[in-house]
Amino acid sequence: MRILGIDPGLHITGFGIIDKIGSKLVYVTSGCIKTSSDNKLPPRLKLILDGLNHIILRHVPEHAAIEQVFVNINPKSTLLLGQARGVAICAAVLNNLDVSEYTALQIKQAVVGNGHAKKEQVQEMVVRLLRLEGKPGVDASDALACAICHAHGGVGTLAGIYSQLKNGRML
């Protein structure tokens, strides 16, 4: 099963693709689609749509996992993020991908075992779980974490394993 994880953002949309082969996770690619705040909103949204379409057509995932929007203190920021997220969902749906949505808390719980983990902890677990040689950027790492969460059926699958590793009970 090939999964596209998406961390939506108007300025930076992170993406990460993994394969799930049995219980094994295999890194395929990751990166970011960046837009300039110098441009108006419609061209920025089109850039995100075109970028995700290109990635989907090139790597042919079957599933998309996307992080849900959290409500920010600034309502304008939340609305802009929601529009970027909507474009990302449209790209997936237009390419016939099954779309699943996860909260940041669910993703952190599934990947780190702690729903309140810091970004650095998520990034470190992504590196470990996918056996990466270097750290992906924060946005790409968040997208990969979203894909990992989906690969393991959502919340809690890795939490028990991580807890056992942390407590030295699993070798």
C-alpha atoms as a PDB file:
ATOM      1  CA  MET A   1       0.000   0.000   0.000  1.00  0.00           C
ATOM      2  CA  ARG A   2       1.421   3.413  -0.965  1.00  0.00           C
ATOM      3  CA  ILE A   3       0.427   6.361   1.235  1.00  0.00           C
ATOM      4  CA  LEU A   4       0.789  10.089   0.644  1.00  0.00           C
ATOM      5  CA  GLY A   5       0.967  12.090   3.860  1.00  0.00           C
ATOM      6  CA  ILE A   6       0.163  15.800   3.646  1.00  0.00           C
ATOM      7  CA  ASP A   7       0.932  18.560   6.144  1.00  0.00           C
ATOM      8  CA  PRO A   8      -1.088  21.423   4.635  1.00  0.00           C
ATOM      9  CA  GLY A   9       0.015  25.020   4.759  1.00  0.00           C
ATOM     10  CA  LEU A  10      -0.410  28.073   2.568  1.00  0.00           C
ATOM     11  CA  HIS A  11       3.270  29.037   2.735  1.00  0.00           C
ATOM     12  CA  ILE A  12       4.676  25.488   2.968  1.00  0.00           C
ATOM     13  CA  THR A  13       2.787  22.260   2.284  1.00  0.00           C
ATOM     14  CA  GLY A  14       4.776  19.223   3.341  1.00  0.00           C
ATOM     15  CA  PHE A  15       4.376  15.874   1.617  1.00  0.00           C
ATOM     16  CA  GLY A  16       5.753  12.429   2.288  1.00  0.00           C
ATOM     17  CA  ILE A  17       5.198   9.109   0.580  1.00  0.00           C
ATOM     18  CA  ILE A  18       5.772   5.709   2.146  1.00  0.00           C
ATOM     19  CA  ASP A  19       5.036   2.138   1.182  1.00  0.00           C
ATOM     20  CA  LYS A  20       3.597  -0.323   3.673  1.00  0.00           C
ATOM     21  CA  ILE A  21       4.695  -3.833   2.762  1.00  0.00           C
ATOM     22  CA  GLY A  22       3.294  -6.219   5.350  1.00  0.00           C
ATOM     23  CA  SER A  23       4.341  -4.632   8.627  1.00  0.00           C
ATOM     24  CA  LYS A  24       7.367  -2.914   7.077  1.00  0.00           C
ATOM     25  CA  LEU A  25       7.402   0.808   6.256  1.00  0.00           C
ATOM     26  CA  VAL A  26       9.544   1.942   3.329  1.00  0.00           C
ATOM     27  CA  TYR A  27      10.406   5.573   2.603  1.00  0.00           C
ATOM     28  CA  VAL A  28       9.698   6.659  -0.987  1.00  0.00           C
ATOM     29  CA  THR A  29      10.072  10.451  -1.086  1.00  0.00           C
ATOM     30  CA  SER A  30       9.265  13.648   0.772  1.00  0.00           C
ATOM     31  CA  GLY A  31       9.557  17.387   0.379  1.00  0.00           C
ATOM     32  CA  CYS A  32       7.716  20.676   0.383  1.00  0.00           C
ATOM     33  CA  ILE A  33       5.661  22.803  -1.941  1.00  0.00           C
ATOM     34  CA  LYS A  34       6.446  26.439  -1.178  1.00  0.00           C
ATOM     35  CA  THR A  35       4.425  29.486  -2.153  1.00  0.00           C
ATOM     36  CA  SER A  36       5.363  33.141  -1.874  1.00  0.00           C
ATOM     37  CA  SER A  37       3.349  35.565   0.209  1.00  0.00           C
ATOM     38  CA  ASP A  38       4.151  38.119  -2.513  1.00  0.00           C
ATOM     39  CA  ASN A  39       1.592  36.365  -4.729  1.00  0.00           C
ATOM     40  CA  LYS A  40      -2.181  36.583  -4.398  1.00  0.00           C
ATOM     41  CA  LEU A  41      -4.149  33.729  -2.865  1.00  0.00           C
ATOM     42  CA  PRO A  42      -5.528  32.041  -6.038  1.00  0.00           C
ATOM     43  CA  PRO A  43      -2.108  31.484  -7.687  1.00  0.00           C
ATOM     44  CA  ARG A  44      -0.720  30.168  -4.389  1.00  0.00           C
ATOM     45  CA  LEU A  45      -3.569  27.662  -4.092  1.00  0.00           C
ATOM     46  CA  LYS A  46      -3.054  26.626  -7.725  1.00  0.00           C
ATOM     47  CA  LEU A  47       0.642  26.044  -7.054  1.00  0.00           C
ATOM     48  CA  ILE A  48      -0.250  23.688  -4.178  1.00  0.00           C
ATOM     49  CA  LEU A  49      -2.824  21.882  -6.351  1.00  0.00           C
ATOM     50  CA  ASP A  50      -0.424  21.538  -9.293  1.00  0.00           C
ATOM     51  CA  GLY A  51       2.422  20.416  -7.042  1.00  0.00           C
ATOM     52  CA  LEU A  52       0.361  17.717  -5.347  1.00  0.00           C
ATOM     53  CA  ASN A  53      -1.073  16.578  -8.698  1.00  0.00           C
ATOM     54  CA  HIS A  54       2.475  16.198 -10.043  1.00  0.00           C
ATOM     55  CA  ILE A  55       3.570  14.199  -6.978  1.00  0.00           C
ATOM     56  CA  ILE A  56       0.492  11.954  -7.140  1.00  0.00           C
ATOM     57  CA  LEU A  57       0.898  11.282 -10.871  1.00  0.00           C
ATOM     58  CA  ARG A  58       4.614  10.561 -10.463  1.00  0.00           C
ATOM     59  CA  HIS A  59       4.428   8.269  -7.416  1.00  0.00           C
ATOM     60  CA  VAL A  60       0.876   6.848  -7.719  1.00  0.00           C
ATOM     61  CA  PRO A  61      -0.198   6.499  -4.069  1.00  0.00           C
ATOM     62  CA  GLU A  62      -3.489   4.769  -3.261  1.00  0.00           C
ATOM     63  CA  HIS A  63      -4.220   6.594  -0.013  1.00  0.00           C
ATOM     64  CA  ALA A  64      -3.813  10.132   1.283  1.00  0.00           C
ATOM     65  CA  ALA A  65      -3.541  11.020   4.953  1.00  0.00           C
ATOM     66  CA  ILE A  66      -3.898  14.679   5.839  1.00  0.00           C
ATOM     67  CA  GLU A  67      -3.520  16.576   9.063  1.00  0.00           C
ATOM     68  CA  GLN A  68      -6.666  18.314  10.282  1.00  0.00           C
ATOM     69  CA  VAL A  69      -6.696  22.057  10.834  1.00  0.00           C
ATOM     70  CA  PHE A  70      -6.419  23.351  14.364  1.00  0.00           C
ATOM     71  CA  VAL A  71      -8.127  26.619  15.260  1.00  0.00           C
ATOM     72  CA  ASN A  72      -5.511  29.329  15.597  1.00  0.00           C
ATOM     73  CA  ILE A  73      -5.782  32.483  17.697  1.00  0.00           C
ATOM     74  CA  ASN A  74      -5.806  34.421  14.428  1.00  0.00           C
ATOM     75  CA  PRO A  75      -9.015  33.553  12.512  1.00  0.00           C
ATOM     76  CA  LYS A  76      -7.549  34.794   9.206  1.00  0.00           C
ATOM     77  CA  SER A  77      -4.626  32.358   9.511  1.00  0.00           C
ATOM     78  CA  THR A  78      -7.024  29.512  10.253  1.00  0.00           C
ATOM     79  CA  LEU A  79      -9.130  30.342   7.185  1.00  0.00           C
ATOM     80  CA  LEU A  80      -6.063  30.517   4.921  1.00  0.00           C
ATOM     81  CA  LEU A  81      -4.801  27.195   6.268  1.00  0.00           C
ATOM     82  CA  GLY A  82      -8.249  25.713   5.689  1.00  0.00           C
ATOM     83  CA  GLN A  83      -8.156  26.804   2.060  1.00  0.00           C
ATOM     84  CA  ALA A  84      -4.739  25.199   1.528  1.00  0.00           C
ATOM     85  CA  ARG A  85      -6.033  22.045   3.200  1.00  0.00           C
ATOM     86  CA  GLY A  86      -9.124  22.056   0.968  1.00  0.00           C
ATOM     87  CA  VAL A  87      -6.945  22.253  -2.134  1.00  0.00           C
ATOM     88  CA  ALA A  88      -4.843  19.334  -0.857  1.00  0.00           C
ATOM     89  CA  ILE A  89      -7.959  17.229  -0.276  1.00  0.00           C
ATOM     90  CA  CYS A  90      -9.248  18.143  -3.754  1.00  0.00           C
ATOM     91  CA  ALA A  91      -5.944  17.054  -5.336  1.00  0.00           C
ATOM     92  CA  ALA A  92      -6.238  13.680  -3.622  1.00  0.00           C
ATOM     93  CA  VAL A  93      -9.926  13.202  -4.461  1.00  0.00           C
ATOM     94  CA  LEU A  94      -9.471  14.289  -8.097  1.00  0.00           C
ATOM     95  CA  ASN A  95      -6.824  11.578  -8.405  1.00  0.00           C
ATOM     96  CA  ASN A  96      -9.114   8.931  -6.848  1.00  0.00           C
ATOM     97  CA  LEU A  97      -7.157   8.535  -3.610  1.00  0.00           C
ATOM     98  CA  ASP A  98      -8.876   7.409  -0.428  1.00  0.00           C
ATOM     99  CA  VAL A  99      -8.531  10.322   2.014  1.00  0.00           C
ATOM    100  CA  SER A 100      -8.217   9.973   5.790  1.00  0.00           C
ATOM    101  CA  GLU A 101      -7.863  12.839   8.256  1.00  0.00           C
ATOM    102  CA  TYR A 102      -5.988  12.865  11.554  1.00  0.00           C
ATOM    103  CA  THR A 103      -5.525  15.447  14.272  1.00  0.00           C
ATOM    104  CA  ALA A 104      -2.019  16.456  15.327  1.00  0.00           C
ATOM    105  CA  LEU A 105      -2.688  14.727  18.649  1.00  0.00           C
ATOM    106  CA  GLN A 106      -3.620  11.463  16.896  1.00  0.00           C
ATOM    107  CA  ILE A 107      -0.528  11.606  14.685  1.00  0.00           C
ATOM    108  CA  LYS A 108       1.813  12.268  17.607  1.00  0.00           C
ATOM    109  CA  GLN A 109       0.167   9.517  19.653  1.00  0.00           C
ATOM    110  CA  ALA A 110       0.524   7.002  16.817  1.00  0.00           C
ATOM    111  CA  VAL A 111       4.116   7.897  15.915  1.00  0.00           C
ATOM    112  CA  VAL A 112       5.711   8.883  19.234  1.00  0.00           C
ATOM    113  CA  GLY A 113       3.341   7.372  21.782  1.00  0.00           C
ATOM    114  CA  ASN A 114       2.656  10.791  23.290  1.00  0.00           C
ATOM    115  CA  GLY A 115      -0.064  13.045  21.894  1.00  0.00           C
ATOM    116  CA  HIS A 116       1.746  16.104  23.224  1.00  0.00           C
ATOM    117  CA  ALA A 117       5.175  15.286  21.767  1.00  0.00           C
ATOM    118  CA  LYS A 118       7.339  18.110  20.440  1.00  0.00           C
ATOM    119  CA  LYS A 119       8.116  18.463  16.728  1.00  0.00           C
ATOM    120  CA  GLU A 120      11.694  17.314  17.354  1.00  0.00           C
ATOM    121  CA  GLN A 121      10.439  14.076  18.941  1.00  0.00           C
ATOM    122  CA  VAL A 122       8.148  13.417  15.977  1.00  0.00           C
ATOM    123  CA  GLN A 123      11.011  14.108  13.587  1.00  0.00           C
ATOM    124  CA  GLU A 124      13.314  11.699  15.468  1.00  0.00           C
ATOM    125  CA  MET A 125      10.737   8.885  15.445  1.00  0.00           C
ATOM    126  CA  VAL A 126      10.113   9.416  11.709  1.00  0.00           C
ATOM    127  CA  VAL A 127      13.864   9.025  11.117  1.00  0.00           C
ATOM    128  CA  ARG A 128      13.946   5.835  13.227  1.00  0.00           C
ATOM    129  CA  LEU A 129      10.792   4.234  11.853  1.00  0.00           C
ATOM    130  CA  LEU A 130      11.745   4.858   8.221  1.00  0.00           C
ATOM    131  CA  ARG A 131      15.480   4.247   8.788  1.00  0.00           C
ATOM    132  CA  LEU A 132      16.405   7.561   7.200  1.00  0.00           C
ATOM    133  CA  GLU A 133      20.025   8.689   7.012  1.00  0.00           C
ATOM    134  CA  GLY A 134      19.205  12.361   7.550  1.00  0.00           C
ATOM    135  CA  LYS A 135      16.399  14.387   9.054  1.00  0.00           C
ATOM    136  CA  PRO A 136      13.742  15.633   6.650  1.00  0.00           C
ATOM    137  CA  GLY A 137      12.547  19.214   7.126  1.00  0.00           C
ATOM    138  CA  VAL A 138       9.845  19.823   9.729  1.00  0.00           C
ATOM    139  CA  ASP A 139       6.989  20.065   7.205  1.00  0.00           C
ATOM    140  CA  ALA A 140       8.083  16.953   5.292  1.00  0.00           C
ATOM    141  CA  SER A 141       8.607  15.135   8.602  1.00  0.00           C
ATOM    142  CA  ASP A 142       5.080  16.039   9.735  1.00  0.00           C
ATOM    143  CA  ALA A 143       3.699  14.739   6.427  1.00  0.00           C
ATOM    144  CA  LEU A 144       5.642  11.481   6.791  1.00  0.00           C
ATOM    145  CA  ALA A 145       4.333  11.167  10.360  1.00  0.00           C
ATOM    146  CA  CYS A 146       0.793  11.541   9.027  1.00  0.00           C
ATOM    147  CA  ALA A 147       1.450   8.762   6.496  1.00  0.00           C
ATOM    148  CA  ILE A 148       2.944   6.544   9.224  1.00  0.00           C
ATOM    149  CA  CYS A 149      -0.119   7.165  11.407  1.00  0.00           C
ATOM    150  CA  HIS A 150      -2.358   6.028   8.557  1.00  0.00           C
ATOM    151  CA  ALA A 151      -0.174   2.992   7.794  1.00  0.00           C
ATOM    152  CA  HIS A 152      -0.597   1.793  11.342  1.00  0.00           C
ATOM    153  CA  GLY A 153      -4.341   2.227  11.368  1.00  0.00           C
ATOM    154  CA  GLY A 154      -4.431   5.574  13.128  1.00  0.00           C
ATOM    155  CA  VAL A 155      -4.084   6.141  16.841  1.00  0.00           C
ATOM    156  CA  GLY A 156      -2.208   4.055  19.322  1.00  0.00           C
ATOM    157  CA  THR A 157      -0.613   1.281  17.282  1.00  0.00           C
ATOM    158  CA  LEU A 158       2.943   2.439  17.873  1.00  0.00           C
ATOM    159  CA  ALA A 159       2.247   3.856  21.314  1.00  0.00           C
ATOM    160  CA  GLY A 160       2.559   0.502  23.040  1.00  0.00           C
ATOM    161  CA  ILE A 161       5.715  -0.431  21.142  1.00  0.00           C
ATOM    162  CA  TYR A 162       7.318   2.923  21.903  1.00  0.00           C
ATOM    163  CA  SER A 163       6.398   2.626  25.564  1.00  0.00           C
ATOM    164  CA  GLN A 164       7.994  -0.823  25.737  1.00  0.00           C
ATOM    165  CA  LEU A 165      11.142   0.413  23.978  1.00  0.00           C
ATOM    166  CA  LYS A 166      11.306   3.415  26.283  1.00  0.00           C
ATOM    167  CA  ASN A 167      11.030   1.200  29.356  1.00  0.00           C
ATOM    168  CA  GLY A 168      13.579  -1.318  28.057  1.00  0.00           C
ATOM    169  CA  ARG A 169      11.086  -4.177  27.809  1.00  0.00           C
ATOM    170  CA  MET A 170      11.420  -4.880  24.100  1.00  0.00           C
ATOM    171  CA  LEU A 171      14.506  -6.033  22.226  1.00  0.00           C
END
